[in-house]
Amino acid sequence: MSDNDSLKSEVRDFWDSGSCGEIYAEGLADLDYYKEHSKVRYELEPYLCDFAKFNEGLDKDVLEIGVGMGADHLE
C-alpha cells in the first residue's frame, strides 16, 4: 500500500469512528442524546446561530451539507 493509500485509510477510519461533536452527546434515549449534543454545541460555539442565520431558511428548501449529527439541520 502506498503512503497516499495509507493516509486515505487513516482519514476514512477517523471519520467512520463518529460524527463531529458526537463526544458531547449523552443520554439513554435517542431524543435526550441529540438534545444534549445540540445544547453543548451551541454553548461551545454561541456565535453560530447569529452567523448561520437559521431563521432565514424558514419555509425554504435548504441543502445542508455537513459531517455532524444534524443539530444545525434541525435549526
PDB file of N, CA and C in Angstrom:
ATOM      1  N   MET A   1       0.853  -1.182   0.000  1.00  0.00           N
ATOM      2  CA  MET A   1       0.000   0.000   0.000  1.00  0.00           C
ATOM      3  C   MET A   1       0.895   1.240   0.000  1.00  0.00           C
ATOM      4  N   SER A   2       0.569   2.219  -0.830  1.00  0.00           N
ATOM      5  CA  SER A   2       1.359   3.452  -0.887  1.00  0.00           C
ATOM      6  C   SER A   2       1.055   4.329   0.321  1.00  0.00           C
ATOM      7  N   ASP A   3       1.936   5.316   0.549  1.00  0.00           N
ATOM      8  CA  ASP A   3       1.711   6.261   1.648  1.00  0.00           C
ATOM      9  C   ASP A   3       0.387   6.986   1.481  1.00  0.00           C
ATOM     10  N   ASN A   4       0.051   7.316   0.225  1.00  0.00           N
ATOM     11  CA  ASN A   4      -1.204   8.016  -0.070  1.00  0.00           C
ATOM     12  C   ASN A   4      -2.411   7.144   0.301  1.00  0.00           C
ATOM     13  N   ASP A   5      -2.342   5.865  -0.060  1.00  0.00           N
ATOM     14  CA  ASP A   5      -3.433   4.939   0.281  1.00  0.00           C
ATOM     15  C   ASP A   5      -3.551   4.779   1.786  1.00  0.00           C
ATOM     16  N   SER A   6      -2.421   4.737   2.469  1.00  0.00           N
ATOM     17  CA  SER A   6      -2.417   4.601   3.920  1.00  0.00           C
ATOM     18  C   SER A   6      -3.056   5.824   4.577  1.00  0.00           C
ATOM     19  N   LEU A   7      -2.703   7.007   4.083  1.00  0.00           N
ATOM     20  CA  LEU A   7      -3.276   8.238   4.617  1.00  0.00           C
ATOM     21  C   LEU A   7      -4.782   8.277   4.383  1.00  0.00           C
ATOM     22  N   LYS A   8      -5.210   7.908   3.188  1.00  0.00           N
ATOM     23  CA  LYS A   8      -6.646   7.872   2.890  1.00  0.00           C
ATOM     24  C   LYS A   8      -7.361   6.916   3.836  1.00  0.00           C
ATOM     25  N   SER A   9      -6.754   5.799   4.105  1.00  0.00           N
ATOM     26  CA  SER A   9      -7.341   4.814   5.011  1.00  0.00           C
ATOM     27  C   SER A   9      -7.455   5.372   6.431  1.00  0.00           C
ATOM     28  N   GLU A  10      -6.421   6.080   6.888  1.00  0.00           N
ATOM     29  CA  GLU A  10      -6.455   6.688   8.221  1.00  0.00           C
ATOM     30  C   GLU A  10      -7.553   7.739   8.320  1.00  0.00           C
ATOM     31  N   VAL A  11      -7.679   8.560   7.290  1.00  0.00           N
ATOM     32  CA  VAL A  11      -8.712   9.607   7.277  1.00  0.00           C
ATOM     33  C   VAL A  11     -10.101   8.968   7.275  1.00  0.00           C
ATOM     34  N   ARG A  12     -10.291   7.947   6.459  1.00  0.00           N
ATOM     35  CA  ARG A  12     -11.579   7.241   6.412  1.00  0.00           C
ATOM     36  C   ARG A  12     -11.913   6.650   7.781  1.00  0.00           C
ATOM     37  N   ASP A  13     -10.943   6.028   8.417  1.00  0.00           N
ATOM     38  CA  ASP A  13     -11.168   5.434   9.739  1.00  0.00           C
ATOM     39  C   ASP A  13     -11.542   6.500  10.762  1.00  0.00           C
ATOM     40  N   PHE A  14     -10.895   7.664  10.679  1.00  0.00           N
ATOM     41  CA  PHE A  14     -11.202   8.754  11.603  1.00  0.00           C
ATOM     42  C   PHE A  14     -12.664   9.169  11.476  1.00  0.00           C
ATOM     43  N   TRP A  15     -13.119   9.420  10.236  1.00  0.00           N
ATOM     44  CA  TRP A  15     -14.482   9.892  10.034  1.00  0.00           C
ATOM     45  C   TRP A  15     -15.509   8.791  10.262  1.00  0.00           C
ATOM     46  N   ASP A  16     -15.138   7.559  10.079  1.00  0.00           N
ATOM     47  CA  ASP A  16     -16.054   6.448  10.341  1.00  0.00           C
ATOM     48  C   ASP A  16     -16.225   6.179  11.835  1.00  0.00           C
ATOM     49  N   SER A  17     -15.312   6.685  12.646  1.00  0.00           N
ATOM     50  CA  SER A  17     -15.368   6.403  14.091  1.00  0.00           C
ATOM     51  C   SER A  17     -16.476   7.173  14.792  1.00  0.00           C
ATOM     52  N   GLY A  18     -16.952   8.267  14.212  1.00  0.00           N
ATOM     53  CA  GLY A  18     -18.028   9.031  14.832  1.00  0.00           C
ATOM     54  C   GLY A  18     -18.233  10.359  14.142  1.00  0.00           C
ATOM     55  N   SER A  19     -19.404  10.917  14.294  1.00  0.00           N
ATOM     56  CA  SER A  19     -19.728  12.221  13.707  1.00  0.00           C
ATOM     57  C   SER A  19     -19.065  13.331  14.505  1.00  0.00           C
ATOM     58  N   CYS A  20     -18.875  14.471  13.870  1.00  0.00           N
ATOM     59  CA  CYS A  20     -18.331  15.635  14.566  1.00  0.00           C
ATOM     60  C   CYS A  20     -19.216  15.970  15.763  1.00  0.00           C
ATOM     61  N   GLY A  21     -18.605  16.130  16.902  1.00  0.00           N
ATOM     62  CA  GLY A  21     -19.331  16.511  18.105  1.00  0.00           C
ATOM     63  C   GLY A  21     -20.018  15.381  18.835  1.00  0.00           C
ATOM     64  N   GLU A  22     -19.916  14.184  18.328  1.00  0.00           N
ATOM     65  CA  GLU A  22     -20.604  13.052  18.952  1.00  0.00           C
ATOM     66  C   GLU A  22     -20.142  12.816  20.391  1.00  0.00           C
ATOM     67  N   ILE A  23     -18.925  13.226  20.711  1.00  0.00           N
ATOM     68  CA  ILE A  23     -18.414  13.036  22.076  1.00  0.00           C
ATOM     69  C   ILE A  23     -19.222  13.834  23.097  1.00  0.00           C
ATOM     70  N   TYR A  24     -19.957  14.851  22.641  1.00  0.00           N
ATOM     71  CA  TYR A  24     -20.763  15.672  23.551  1.00  0.00           C
ATOM     72  C   TYR A  24     -22.183  15.143  23.735  1.00  0.00           C
ATOM     73  N   ALA A  25     -22.553  14.136  22.987  1.00  0.00           N
ATOM     74  CA  ALA A  25     -23.910  13.592  23.063  1.00  0.00           C
ATOM     75  C   ALA A  25     -23.983  12.578  24.206  1.00  0.00           C
ATOM     76  N   GLU A  26     -24.938  12.793  25.083  1.00  0.00           N
ATOM     77  CA  GLU A  26     -25.142  11.880  26.211  1.00  0.00           C
ATOM     78  C   GLU A  26     -26.630  11.682  26.411  1.00  0.00           C
ATOM     79  N   GLY A  27     -26.981  10.533  26.888  1.00  0.00           N
ATOM     80  CA  GLY A  27     -28.375  10.242  27.181  1.00  0.00           C
ATOM     81  C   GLY A  27     -28.725   8.840  26.746  1.00  0.00           C
ATOM     82  N   LEU A  28     -29.611   8.226  27.473  1.00  0.00           N
ATOM     83  CA  LEU A  28     -30.013   6.857  27.162  1.00  0.00           C
ATOM     84  C   LEU A  28     -31.038   6.820  26.036  1.00  0.00           C
ATOM     85  N   ALA A  29     -31.950   7.761  26.047  1.00  0.00           N
ATOM     86  CA  ALA A  29     -32.965   7.823  24.992  1.00  0.00           C
ATOM     87  C   ALA A  29     -32.410   8.637  23.828  1.00  0.00           C
ATOM     88  N   ASP A  30     -32.796   8.287  22.619  1.00  0.00           N
ATOM     89  CA  ASP A  30     -32.302   8.990  21.437  1.00  0.00           C
ATOM     90  C   ASP A  30     -32.543  10.492  21.525  1.00  0.00           C
ATOM     91  N   LEU A  31     -33.745  10.886  21.930  1.00  0.00           N
ATOM     92  CA  LEU A  31     -34.080  12.308  21.995  1.00  0.00           C
ATOM     93  C   LEU A  31     -33.149  13.033  22.958  1.00  0.00           C
ATOM     94  N   ASP A  32     -32.905  12.450  24.127  1.00  0.00           N
ATOM     95  CA  ASP A  32     -32.004  13.060  25.104  1.00  0.00           C
ATOM     96  C   ASP A  32     -30.584  13.168  24.550  1.00  0.00           C
ATOM     97  N   TYR A  33     -30.155  12.149  23.855  1.00  0.00           N
ATOM     98  CA  TYR A  33     -28.817  12.088  23.259  1.00  0.00           C
ATOM     99  C   TYR A  33     -28.600  13.260  22.301  1.00  0.00           C
ATOM    100  N   TYR A  34     -29.561  13.472  21.410  1.00  0.00           N
ATOM    101  CA  TYR A  34     -29.425  14.539  20.420  1.00  0.00           C
ATOM    102  C   TYR A  34     -29.661  15.921  21.019  1.00  0.00           C
ATOM    103  N   LYS A  35     -30.556  16.034  21.999  1.00  0.00           N
ATOM    104  CA  LYS A  35     -30.779  17.321  22.663  1.00  0.00           C
ATOM    105  C   LYS A  35     -29.523  17.768  23.398  1.00  0.00           C
ATOM    106  N   GLU A  36     -28.860  16.833  24.070  1.00  0.00           N
ATOM    107  CA  GLU A  36     -27.648  17.171  24.801  1.00  0.00           C
ATOM    108  C   GLU A  36     -26.550  17.613  23.837  1.00  0.00           C
ATOM    109  N   HIS A  37     -26.452  16.936  22.710  1.00  0.00           N
ATOM    110  CA  HIS A  37     -25.458  17.329  21.707  1.00  0.00           C
ATOM    111  C   HIS A  37     -25.702  18.763  21.243  1.00  0.00           C
ATOM    112  N   SER A  38     -26.946  19.083  20.912  1.00  0.00           N
ATOM    113  CA  SER A  38     -27.275  20.435  20.442  1.00  0.00           C
ATOM    114  C   SER A  38     -26.974  21.472  21.516  1.00  0.00           C
ATOM    115  N   LYS A  39     -27.361  21.178  22.738  1.00  0.00           N
ATOM    116  CA  LYS A  39     -27.155  22.114  23.845  1.00  0.00           C
ATOM    117  C   LYS A  39     -25.664  22.438  23.989  1.00  0.00           C
ATOM    118  N   VAL A  40     -24.842  21.417  24.037  1.00  0.00           N
ATOM    119  CA  VAL A  40     -23.407  21.626  24.218  1.00  0.00           C
ATOM    120  C   VAL A  40     -22.801  22.313  22.988  1.00  0.00           C
ATOM    121  N   ARG A  41     -23.257  21.933  21.805  1.00  0.00           N
ATOM    122  CA  ARG A  41     -22.724  22.552  20.579  1.00  0.00           C
ATOM    123  C   ARG A  41     -22.876  24.058  20.610  1.00  0.00           C
ATOM    124  N   TYR A  42     -24.063  24.535  20.961  1.00  0.00           N
ATOM    125  CA  TYR A  42     -24.303  25.976  20.947  1.00  0.00           C
ATOM    126  C   TYR A  42     -23.765  26.676  22.190  1.00  0.00           C
ATOM    127  N   GLU A  43     -23.466  25.938  23.252  1.00  0.00           N
ATOM    128  CA  GLU A  43     -22.749  26.516  24.395  1.00  0.00           C
ATOM    129  C   GLU A  43     -21.280  26.731  24.027  1.00  0.00           C
ATOM    130  N   LEU A  44     -20.698  25.776  23.314  1.00  0.00           N
ATOM    131  CA  LEU A  44     -19.293  25.884  22.913  1.00  0.00           C
ATOM    132  C   LEU A  44     -19.091  26.889  21.786  1.00  0.00           C
ATOM    133  N   GLU A  45     -20.091  27.051  20.943  1.00  0.00           N
ATOM    134  CA  GLU A  45     -19.998  27.951  19.789  1.00  0.00           C
ATOM    135  C   GLU A  45     -21.224  28.865  19.749  1.00  0.00           C
ATOM    136  N   PRO A  46     -21.343  29.768  20.734  1.00  0.00           N
ATOM    137  CA  PRO A  46     -22.556  30.584  20.863  1.00  0.00           C
ATOM    138  C   PRO A  46     -22.790  31.535  19.696  1.00  0.00           C
ATOM    139  N   TYR A  47     -21.799  31.838  18.928  1.00  0.00           N
ATOM    140  CA  TYR A  47     -21.920  32.757  17.790  1.00  0.00           C
ATOM    141  C   TYR A  47     -22.577  32.105  16.578  1.00  0.00           C
ATOM    142  N   LEU A  48     -22.681  30.773  16.588  1.00  0.00           N
ATOM    143  CA  LEU A  48     -23.116  30.038  15.406  1.00  0.00           C
ATOM    144  C   LEU A  48     -24.510  30.419  14.905  1.00  0.00           C
ATOM    145  N   CYS A  49     -25.454  30.522  15.795  1.00  0.00           N
ATOM    146  CA  CYS A  49     -26.839  30.811  15.364  1.00  0.00           C
ATOM    147  C   CYS A  49     -26.939  32.169  14.680  1.00  0.00           C
ATOM    148  N   ASP A  50     -26.291  33.186  15.241  1.00  0.00           N
ATOM    149  CA  ASP A  50     -26.307  34.505  14.599  1.00  0.00           C
ATOM    150  C   ASP A  50     -25.592  34.467  13.255  1.00  0.00           C
ATOM    151  N   PHE A  51     -24.459  33.785  13.212  1.00  0.00           N
ATOM    152  CA  PHE A  51     -23.680  33.706  11.981  1.00  0.00           C
ATOM    153  C   PHE A  51     -24.432  32.957  10.880  1.00  0.00           C
ATOM    154  N   ALA A  52     -25.032  31.823  11.230  1.00  0.00           N
ATOM    155  CA  ALA A  52     -25.686  30.968  10.231  1.00  0.00           C
ATOM    156  C   ALA A  52     -27.046  31.510   9.791  1.00  0.00           C
ATOM    157  N   LYS A  53     -27.647  32.377  10.578  1.00  0.00           N
ATOM    158  CA  LYS A  53     -28.952  32.963  10.244  1.00  0.00           C
ATOM    159  C   LYS A  53     -29.980  31.876   9.895  1.00  0.00           C
ATOM    160  N   PHE A  54     -30.091  30.908  10.791  1.00  0.00           N
ATOM    161  CA  PHE A  54     -31.005  29.784  10.568  1.00  0.00           C
ATOM    162  C   PHE A  54     -32.429  30.244  10.275  1.00  0.00           C
ATOM    163  N   ASN A  55     -32.848  31.320  10.935  1.00  0.00           N
ATOM    164  CA  ASN A  55     -34.233  31.798  10.755  1.00  0.00           C
ATOM    165  C   ASN A  55     -34.529  32.210   9.309  1.00  0.00           C
ATOM    166  N   GLU A  56     -33.510  32.556   8.537  1.00  0.00           N
ATOM    167  CA  GLU A  56     -33.726  32.943   7.140  1.00  0.00           C
ATOM    168  C   GLU A  56     -34.070  31.744   6.248  1.00  0.00           C
ATOM    169  N   GLY A  57     -33.891  30.543   6.757  1.00  0.00           N
ATOM    170  CA  GLY A  57     -34.220  29.346   5.983  1.00  0.00           C
ATOM    171  C   GLY A  57     -35.649  28.860   6.196  1.00  0.00           C
ATOM    172  N   LEU A  58     -36.388  29.522   7.090  1.00  0.00           N
ATOM    173  CA  LEU A  58     -37.753  29.109   7.404  1.00  0.00           C
ATOM    174  C   LEU A  58     -38.617  29.062   6.152  1.00  0.00           C
ATOM    175  N   ASP A  59     -39.284  27.958   5.936  1.00  0.00           N
ATOM    176  CA  ASP A  59     -40.180  27.734   4.797  1.00  0.00           C
ATOM    177  C   ASP A  59     -39.472  27.766   3.439  1.00  0.00           C
ATOM    178  N   LYS A  60     -38.180  27.518   3.435  1.00  0.00           N
ATOM    179  CA  LYS A  60     -37.419  27.468   2.184  1.00  0.00           C
ATOM    180  C   LYS A  60     -36.806  26.075   2.034  1.00  0.00           C
ATOM    181  N   ASP A  61     -36.551  25.683   0.808  1.00  0.00           N
ATOM    182  CA  ASP A  61     -35.800  24.455   0.561  1.00  0.00           C
ATOM    183  C   ASP A  61     -34.328  24.780   0.782  1.00  0.00           C
ATOM    184  N   VAL A  62     -33.694  24.028   1.670  1.00  0.00           N
ATOM    185  CA  VAL A  62     -32.307  24.290   2.017  1.00  0.00           C
ATOM    186  C   VAL A  62     -31.520  22.999   1.876  1.00  0.00           C
ATOM    187  N   LEU A  63     -30.385  23.088   1.230  1.00  0.00           N
ATOM    188  CA  LEU A  63     -29.480  21.954   1.140  1.00  0.00           C
ATOM    189  C   LEU A  63     -28.399  22.148   2.183  1.00  0.00           C
ATOM    190  N   GLU A  64     -28.381  21.270   3.173  1.00  0.00           N
ATOM    191  CA  GLU A  64     -27.337  21.319   4.188  1.00  0.00           C
ATOM    192  C   GLU A  64     -26.343  20.210   3.888  1.00  0.00           C
ATOM    193  N   ILE A  65     -25.094  20.594   3.808  1.00  0.00           N
ATOM    194  CA  ILE A  65     -24.038  19.611   3.604  1.00  0.00           C
ATOM    195  C   ILE A  65     -23.162  19.668   4.840  1.00  0.00           C
ATOM    196  N   GLY A  66     -23.135  18.587   5.572  1.00  0.00           N
ATOM    197  CA  GLY A  66     -22.357  18.592   6.798  1.00  0.00           C
ATOM    198  C   GLY A  66     -21.871  17.213   7.160  1.00  0.00           C
ATOM    199  N   VAL A  67     -21.045  17.182   8.183  1.00  0.00           N
ATOM    200  CA  VAL A  67     -20.492  15.912   8.648  1.00  0.00           C
ATOM    201  C   VAL A  67     -20.814  15.693  10.122  1.00  0.00           C
ATOM    202  N   GLY A  68     -21.749  16.471  10.633  1.00  0.00           N
ATOM    203  CA  GLY A  68     -22.070  16.374  12.045  1.00  0.00           C
ATOM    204  C   GLY A  68     -23.292  15.517  12.311  1.00  0.00           C
ATOM    205  N   MET A  69     -23.921  15.792  13.435  1.00  0.00           N
ATOM    206  CA  MET A  69     -25.047  14.977  13.890  1.00  0.00           C
ATOM    207  C   MET A  69     -26.405  15.575  13.548  1.00  0.00           C
ATOM    208  N   GLY A  70     -26.427  16.707  12.871  1.00  0.00           N
ATOM    209  CA  GLY A  70     -27.691  17.271  12.416  1.00  0.00           C
ATOM    210  C   GLY A  70     -28.265  18.385  13.264  1.00  0.00           C
ATOM    211  N   ALA A  71     -27.521  18.867  14.259  1.00  0.00           N
ATOM    212  CA  ALA A  71     -28.044  19.938  15.113  1.00  0.00           C
ATOM    213  C   ALA A  71     -28.389  21.178  14.293  1.00  0.00           C
ATOM    214  N   ASP A  72     -27.509  21.557  13.374  1.00  0.00           N
ATOM    215  CA  ASP A  72     -27.770  22.736  12.556  1.00  0.00           C
ATOM    216  C   ASP A  72     -28.932  22.489  11.596  1.00  0.00           C
ATOM    217  N   HIS A  73     -29.032  21.290  11.093  1.00  0.00           N
ATOM    218  CA  HIS A  73     -30.136  20.954  10.194  1.00  0.00           C
ATOM    219  C   HIS A  73     -31.479  21.175  10.885  1.00  0.00           C
ATOM    220  N   LEU A  74     -31.572  20.799  12.142  1.00  0.00           N
ATOM    221  CA  LEU A  74     -32.824  20.994  12.882  1.00  0.00           C
ATOM    222  C   LEU A  74     -33.147  22.455  13.081  1.00  0.00           C
ATOM    223  N   GLU A  75     -32.144  23.286  13.154  1.00  0.00           N
ATOM    224  CA  GLU A  75     -32.377  24.730  13.312  1.00  0.00           C
ATOM    225  C   GLU A  75     -32.957  25.306  12.041  1.00  0.00           C
TER     226      GLU A  75
END
